[in-house]
Amino acid sequence: MATLLRTPETQHRIHFQDCDMLGHLNNARYLDYFLNAREDQVAEHYTLNMGELAREQQAAWVITRHHISYLKPARQGTLVRIRTQLIHFDNSNLLVEMQMRTDDGHRLLALLWSEMTFVKLPAGTRTDHADALMELLDELDVPGIDYDPDGFDDRVKAVRQELKKARRAAGQAD
């Protein structure tokens, strides 16, 4: 079996209708861009349709919390790259990290952690992931990222430092 892509990345254009009067992506729209990108990436790279999964398993993930940091404005008309990755999971929860970067991938514009819980439908009560789902999550979980539920700010800082180091190594100005 081929190895699944743990950190898919897709390009998106910032649309006029999603921006504020300054031409910056509206803060609330970041969530739409991130979640739509993740849904598309999951469908493309893991051939997983969330609606079908919910019908088949009578369960679905619901978002329980977002942590977001807006670092630099995503401007109207520009292209951005959105990277997503699973950085933590257990028997009924998962945490997806989503990064919005400049089109060249060298600067972080925003970082989002979305915490999700797997719930039984229609009751909405927490339930465990099936064994096959746990195997998939284990394969997708990105190694080398030390997840700490209280470490969001530290993670943002670490990603920014990693990108800054990469820019310097490539001879780019900060």
C-alpha atoms as a PDB file:
ATOM      1  CA  MET A   1       0.000   0.000   0.000  1.00  0.00           C
ATOM      2  CA  ALA A   2       1.304   3.455  -0.906  1.00  0.00           C
ATOM      3  CA  THR A   3       2.132   5.917   1.842  1.00  0.00           C
ATOM      4  CA  LEU A   4      -0.527   8.588   2.266  1.00  0.00           C
ATOM      5  CA  LEU A   5       0.435  12.252   2.015  1.00  0.00           C
ATOM      6  CA  ARG A   6       0.423  13.481   5.607  1.00  0.00           C
ATOM      7  CA  THR A   7       0.605  17.200   4.846  1.00  0.00           C
ATOM      8  CA  PRO A   8      -1.368  18.072   1.717  1.00  0.00           C
ATOM      9  CA  GLU A   9      -1.028  21.609   0.391  1.00  0.00           C
ATOM     10  CA  THR A  10      -3.266  23.441  -2.053  1.00  0.00           C
ATOM     11  CA  GLN A  11      -3.299  26.873  -3.617  1.00  0.00           C
ATOM     12  CA  HIS A  12      -6.236  29.281  -3.209  1.00  0.00           C
ATOM     13  CA  ARG A  13      -7.003  32.794  -4.432  1.00  0.00           C
ATOM     14  CA  ILE A  14      -8.303  35.356  -1.929  1.00  0.00           C
ATOM     15  CA  HIS A  15     -11.591  36.614  -3.370  1.00  0.00           C
ATOM     16  CA  PHE A  16     -12.847  40.196  -3.225  1.00  0.00           C
ATOM     17  CA  GLN A  17     -16.171  39.193  -1.657  1.00  0.00           C
ATOM     18  CA  ASP A  18     -14.318  37.664   1.309  1.00  0.00           C
ATOM     19  CA  CYS A  19     -12.316  40.775   2.174  1.00  0.00           C
ATOM     20  CA  ASP A  20     -12.835  43.772   4.441  1.00  0.00           C
ATOM     21  CA  MET A  21     -12.593  47.437   3.406  1.00  0.00           C
ATOM     22  CA  LEU A  22      -8.789  47.293   3.638  1.00  0.00           C
ATOM     23  CA  GLY A  23      -8.624  44.439   1.125  1.00  0.00           C
ATOM     24  CA  HIS A  24      -7.658  41.909   3.794  1.00  0.00           C
ATOM     25  CA  LEU A  25      -9.336  38.532   4.141  1.00  0.00           C
ATOM     26  CA  ASN A  26     -12.082  38.917   6.747  1.00  0.00           C
ATOM     27  CA  ASN A  27     -11.139  37.128   9.981  1.00  0.00           C
ATOM     28  CA  ALA A  28     -14.249  34.934   9.939  1.00  0.00           C
ATOM     29  CA  ARG A  29     -13.558  33.842   6.339  1.00  0.00           C
ATOM     30  CA  TYR A  30     -10.200  32.308   7.298  1.00  0.00           C
ATOM     31  CA  LEU A  31     -12.154  29.442   8.856  1.00  0.00           C
ATOM     32  CA  ASP A  32     -14.042  28.867   5.597  1.00  0.00           C
ATOM     33  CA  TYR A  33     -10.843  28.848   3.558  1.00  0.00           C
ATOM     34  CA  PHE A  34      -9.134  26.456   5.988  1.00  0.00           C
ATOM     35  CA  LEU A  35     -12.039  24.032   6.397  1.00  0.00           C
ATOM     36  CA  ASN A  36     -12.890  23.981   2.681  1.00  0.00           C
ATOM     37  CA  ALA A  37      -9.241  23.310   1.831  1.00  0.00           C
ATOM     38  CA  ARG A  38      -9.099  20.434   4.342  1.00  0.00           C
ATOM     39  CA  GLU A  39     -12.318  18.910   3.013  1.00  0.00           C
ATOM     40  CA  ASP A  40     -10.992  19.041  -0.559  1.00  0.00           C
ATOM     41  CA  GLN A  41      -7.613  17.633   0.462  1.00  0.00           C
ATOM     42  CA  VAL A  42      -9.171  14.749   2.406  1.00  0.00           C
ATOM     43  CA  ALA A  43     -11.384  13.861  -0.561  1.00  0.00           C
ATOM     44  CA  GLU A  44      -8.483  14.051  -3.024  1.00  0.00           C
ATOM     45  CA  HIS A  45      -5.661  12.428  -1.057  1.00  0.00           C
ATOM     46  CA  TYR A  46      -7.490   9.973   1.196  1.00  0.00           C
ATOM     47  CA  THR A  47     -10.581   9.287  -0.964  1.00  0.00           C
ATOM     48  CA  LEU A  48     -12.633   9.972   2.134  1.00  0.00           C
ATOM     49  CA  ASN A  49     -16.025  11.641   1.762  1.00  0.00           C
ATOM     50  CA  MET A  50     -17.185  13.025   5.105  1.00  0.00           C
ATOM     51  CA  GLY A  51     -20.880  12.735   4.205  1.00  0.00           C
ATOM     52  CA  GLU A  52     -20.536   9.103   3.152  1.00  0.00           C
ATOM     53  CA  LEU A  53     -18.478   8.305   6.245  1.00  0.00           C
ATOM     54  CA  ALA A  54     -21.192   9.820   8.455  1.00  0.00           C
ATOM     55  CA  ARG A  55     -23.908   7.764   6.731  1.00  0.00           C
ATOM     56  CA  GLU A  56     -21.896   4.530   6.827  1.00  0.00           C
ATOM     57  CA  GLN A  57     -20.743   4.797  10.434  1.00  0.00           C
ATOM     58  CA  GLN A  58     -23.676   6.804  11.798  1.00  0.00           C
ATOM     59  CA  ALA A  59     -21.036   9.100  13.290  1.00  0.00           C
ATOM     60  CA  ALA A  60     -19.153  12.256  12.347  1.00  0.00           C
ATOM     61  CA  TRP A  61     -16.558  14.689  13.634  1.00  0.00           C
ATOM     62  CA  VAL A  62     -17.824  17.923  15.117  1.00  0.00           C
ATOM     63  CA  ILE A  63     -15.581  20.870  15.835  1.00  0.00           C
ATOM     64  CA  THR A  64     -15.304  21.541  19.541  1.00  0.00           C
ATOM     65  CA  ARG A  65     -12.709  24.322  19.522  1.00  0.00           C
ATOM     66  CA  HIS A  66     -10.611  26.514  17.253  1.00  0.00           C
ATOM     67  CA  HIS A  67      -7.340  28.234  18.120  1.00  0.00           C
ATOM     68  CA  ILE A  68      -6.302  30.721  15.453  1.00  0.00           C
ATOM     69  CA  SER A  69      -3.501  33.195  15.092  1.00  0.00           C
ATOM     70  CA  TYR A  70      -3.664  35.903  12.414  1.00  0.00           C
ATOM     71  CA  LEU A  71      -0.086  36.920  11.674  1.00  0.00           C
ATOM     72  CA  LYS A  72      -0.031  38.802   8.365  1.00  0.00           C
ATOM     73  CA  PRO A  73      -2.964  39.841   6.168  1.00  0.00           C
ATOM     74  CA  ALA A  74      -4.036  37.647   3.271  1.00  0.00           C
ATOM     75  CA  ARG A  75      -4.762  40.276   0.629  1.00  0.00           C
ATOM     76  CA  GLN A  76      -7.501  40.347  -1.991  1.00  0.00           C
ATOM     77  CA  GLY A  77      -6.478  38.796  -5.293  1.00  0.00           C
ATOM     78  CA  THR A  78      -3.347  37.073  -3.996  1.00  0.00           C
ATOM     79  CA  LEU A  79      -2.662  33.366  -4.083  1.00  0.00           C
ATOM     80  CA  VAL A  80      -2.046  31.560  -0.801  1.00  0.00           C
ATOM     81  CA  ARG A  81      -1.054  28.011   0.082  1.00  0.00           C
ATOM     82  CA  ILE A  82      -3.026  26.095   2.672  1.00  0.00           C
ATOM     83  CA  ARG A  83      -1.322  23.133   4.343  1.00  0.00           C
ATOM     84  CA  THR A  84      -3.213  20.823   6.658  1.00  0.00           C
ATOM     85  CA  GLN A  85      -2.070  17.983   8.878  1.00  0.00           C
ATOM     86  CA  LEU A  86      -3.247  15.766  11.679  1.00  0.00           C
ATOM     87  CA  ILE A  87      -1.004  16.395  14.683  1.00  0.00           C
ATOM     88  CA  HIS A  88      -2.865  14.533  17.450  1.00  0.00           C
ATOM     89  CA  PHE A  89      -5.621  11.969  17.896  1.00  0.00           C
ATOM     90  CA  ASP A  90      -6.991   9.545  20.438  1.00  0.00           C
ATOM     91  CA  ASN A  91      -9.924   7.116  20.520  1.00  0.00           C
ATOM     92  CA  SER A  92     -12.573   9.813  19.898  1.00  0.00           C
ATOM     93  CA  ASN A  93     -10.795  13.137  19.236  1.00  0.00           C
ATOM     94  CA  LEU A  94      -8.421  14.641  16.727  1.00  0.00           C
ATOM     95  CA  LEU A  95      -6.563  17.866  16.165  1.00  0.00           C
ATOM     96  CA  VAL A  96      -5.904  19.206  12.671  1.00  0.00           C
ATOM     97  CA  GLU A  97      -3.375  21.976  12.188  1.00  0.00           C
ATOM     98  CA  MET A  98      -3.923  24.250   9.200  1.00  0.00           C
ATOM     99  CA  GLN A  99      -1.434  26.810   7.960  1.00  0.00           C
ATOM    100  CA  MET A 100      -2.053  29.595   5.467  1.00  0.00           C
ATOM    101  CA  ARG A 101       1.184  30.683   3.837  1.00  0.00           C
ATOM    102  CA  THR A 102       2.210  33.052   1.077  1.00  0.00           C
ATOM    103  CA  ASP A 103       2.111  31.545  -2.411  1.00  0.00           C
ATOM    104  CA  ASP A 104       5.821  30.736  -2.276  1.00  0.00           C
ATOM    105  CA  GLY A 105       5.266  28.945   1.051  1.00  0.00           C
ATOM    106  CA  HIS A 106       7.947  30.966   2.843  1.00  0.00           C
ATOM    107  CA  ARG A 107       5.814  33.134   5.169  1.00  0.00           C
ATOM    108  CA  LEU A 108       3.097  32.137   7.594  1.00  0.00           C
ATOM    109  CA  LEU A 109      -0.055  34.268   7.338  1.00  0.00           C
ATOM    110  CA  ALA A 110      -2.253  32.374   9.801  1.00  0.00           C
ATOM    111  CA  LEU A 111      -2.258  29.152  11.788  1.00  0.00           C
ATOM    112  CA  LEU A 112      -5.337  27.272  13.004  1.00  0.00           C
ATOM    113  CA  TRP A 113      -5.819  24.314  15.306  1.00  0.00           C
ATOM    114  CA  SER A 114      -9.222  22.665  14.939  1.00  0.00           C
ATOM    115  CA  GLU A 115     -10.129  20.231  17.677  1.00  0.00           C
ATOM    116  CA  MET A 116     -12.798  17.703  16.732  1.00  0.00           C
ATOM    117  CA  THR A 117     -14.730  14.990  18.536  1.00  0.00           C
ATOM    118  CA  PHE A 118     -16.259  11.930  16.887  1.00  0.00           C
ATOM    119  CA  VAL A 119     -19.951  11.739  17.790  1.00  0.00           C
ATOM    120  CA  LYS A 120     -22.769   9.254  17.207  1.00  0.00           C
ATOM    121  CA  LEU A 121     -25.590  10.484  14.963  1.00  0.00           C
ATOM    122  CA  PRO A 122     -28.227  11.718  15.579  1.00  0.00           C
ATOM    123  CA  ALA A 123     -27.660  11.724  19.362  1.00  0.00           C
ATOM    124  CA  GLY A 124     -24.461  13.789  19.220  1.00  0.00           C
ATOM    125  CA  THR A 125     -22.799  11.775  21.982  1.00  0.00           C
ATOM    126  CA  ARG A 126     -19.084  11.036  21.931  1.00  0.00           C
ATOM    127  CA  THR A 127     -18.146   7.701  20.402  1.00  0.00           C
ATOM    128  CA  ASP A 128     -14.924   5.846  19.654  1.00  0.00           C
ATOM    129  CA  HIS A 129     -13.331   5.703  16.223  1.00  0.00           C
ATOM    130  CA  ALA A 130     -13.691   2.318  14.537  1.00  0.00           C
ATOM    131  CA  ASP A 131     -10.493   0.228  14.304  1.00  0.00           C
ATOM    132  CA  ALA A 132     -10.077   0.946  10.571  1.00  0.00           C
ATOM    133  CA  LEU A 133     -10.400   4.678  11.254  1.00  0.00           C
ATOM    134  CA  MET A 134      -7.825   4.468  14.052  1.00  0.00           C
ATOM    135  CA  GLU A 135      -5.419   2.771  11.613  1.00  0.00           C
ATOM    136  CA  LEU A 136      -5.963   5.546   9.060  1.00  0.00           C
ATOM    137  CA  LEU A 137      -5.468   8.262  11.696  1.00  0.00           C
ATOM    138  CA  ASP A 138      -2.278   6.549  12.865  1.00  0.00           C
ATOM    139  CA  GLU A 139      -0.954   6.563   9.297  1.00  0.00           C
ATOM    140  CA  LEU A 140      -1.846  10.257   8.841  1.00  0.00           C
ATOM    141  CA  ASP A 141      -0.562  11.518  12.194  1.00  0.00           C
ATOM    142  CA  VAL A 142       2.509  13.682  11.533  1.00  0.00           C
ATOM    143  CA  PRO A 143       5.506  12.527  13.568  1.00  0.00           C
ATOM    144  CA  GLY A 144       7.866  14.985  15.193  1.00  0.00           C
ATOM    145  CA  ILE A 145       5.266  17.531  16.295  1.00  0.00           C
ATOM    146  CA  ASP A 146       5.051  17.551  20.070  1.00  0.00           C
ATOM    147  CA  TYR A 147       1.405  18.276  20.756  1.00  0.00           C
ATOM    148  CA  ASP A 148       0.600  20.097  23.972  1.00  0.00           C
ATOM    149  CA  PRO A 149      -3.026  21.224  24.393  1.00  0.00           C
ATOM    150  CA  ASP A 150      -1.751  24.459  25.948  1.00  0.00           C
ATOM    151  CA  GLY A 151       1.092  24.877  23.457  1.00  0.00           C
ATOM    152  CA  PHE A 152      -0.630  26.708  20.604  1.00  0.00           C
ATOM    153  CA  ASP A 153       1.419  29.905  20.944  1.00  0.00           C
ATOM    154  CA  ASP A 154       4.629  27.872  21.179  1.00  0.00           C
ATOM    155  CA  ARG A 155       3.686  26.002  17.995  1.00  0.00           C
ATOM    156  CA  VAL A 156       3.029  29.263  16.110  1.00  0.00           C
ATOM    157  CA  LYS A 157       6.418  30.560  17.238  1.00  0.00           C
ATOM    158  CA  ALA A 158       8.161  27.311  16.207  1.00  0.00           C
ATOM    159  CA  VAL A 159       6.633  27.329  12.702  1.00  0.00           C
ATOM    160  CA  ARG A 160       7.582  30.980  12.200  1.00  0.00           C
ATOM    161  CA  GLN A 161      11.157  30.294  13.319  1.00  0.00           C
ATOM    162  CA  GLU A 162      11.377  27.250  11.033  1.00  0.00           C
ATOM    163  CA  LEU A 163      10.250  29.336   8.043  1.00  0.00           C
ATOM    164  CA  LYS A 164      12.617  32.184   8.948  1.00  0.00           C
ATOM    165  CA  LYS A 165      15.525  29.729   9.097  1.00  0.00           C
ATOM    166  CA  ALA A 166      14.538  28.292   5.700  1.00  0.00           C
ATOM    167  CA  ARG A 167      14.379  31.802   4.181  1.00  0.00           C
ATOM    168  CA  ARG A 168      17.828  32.647   5.525  1.00  0.00           C
ATOM    169  CA  ALA A 169      19.256  29.352   4.218  1.00  0.00           C
ATOM    170  CA  ALA A 170      17.801  30.215   0.796  1.00  0.00           C
ATOM    171  CA  GLY A 171      19.382  33.677   0.942  1.00  0.00           C
ATOM    172  CA  GLN A 172      16.068  35.542   1.180  1.00  0.00           C
ATOM    173  CA  ALA A 173      15.567  38.699   3.206  1.00  0.00           C
ATOM    174  CA  ASP A 174      13.306  38.691   6.235  1.00  0.00           C
END
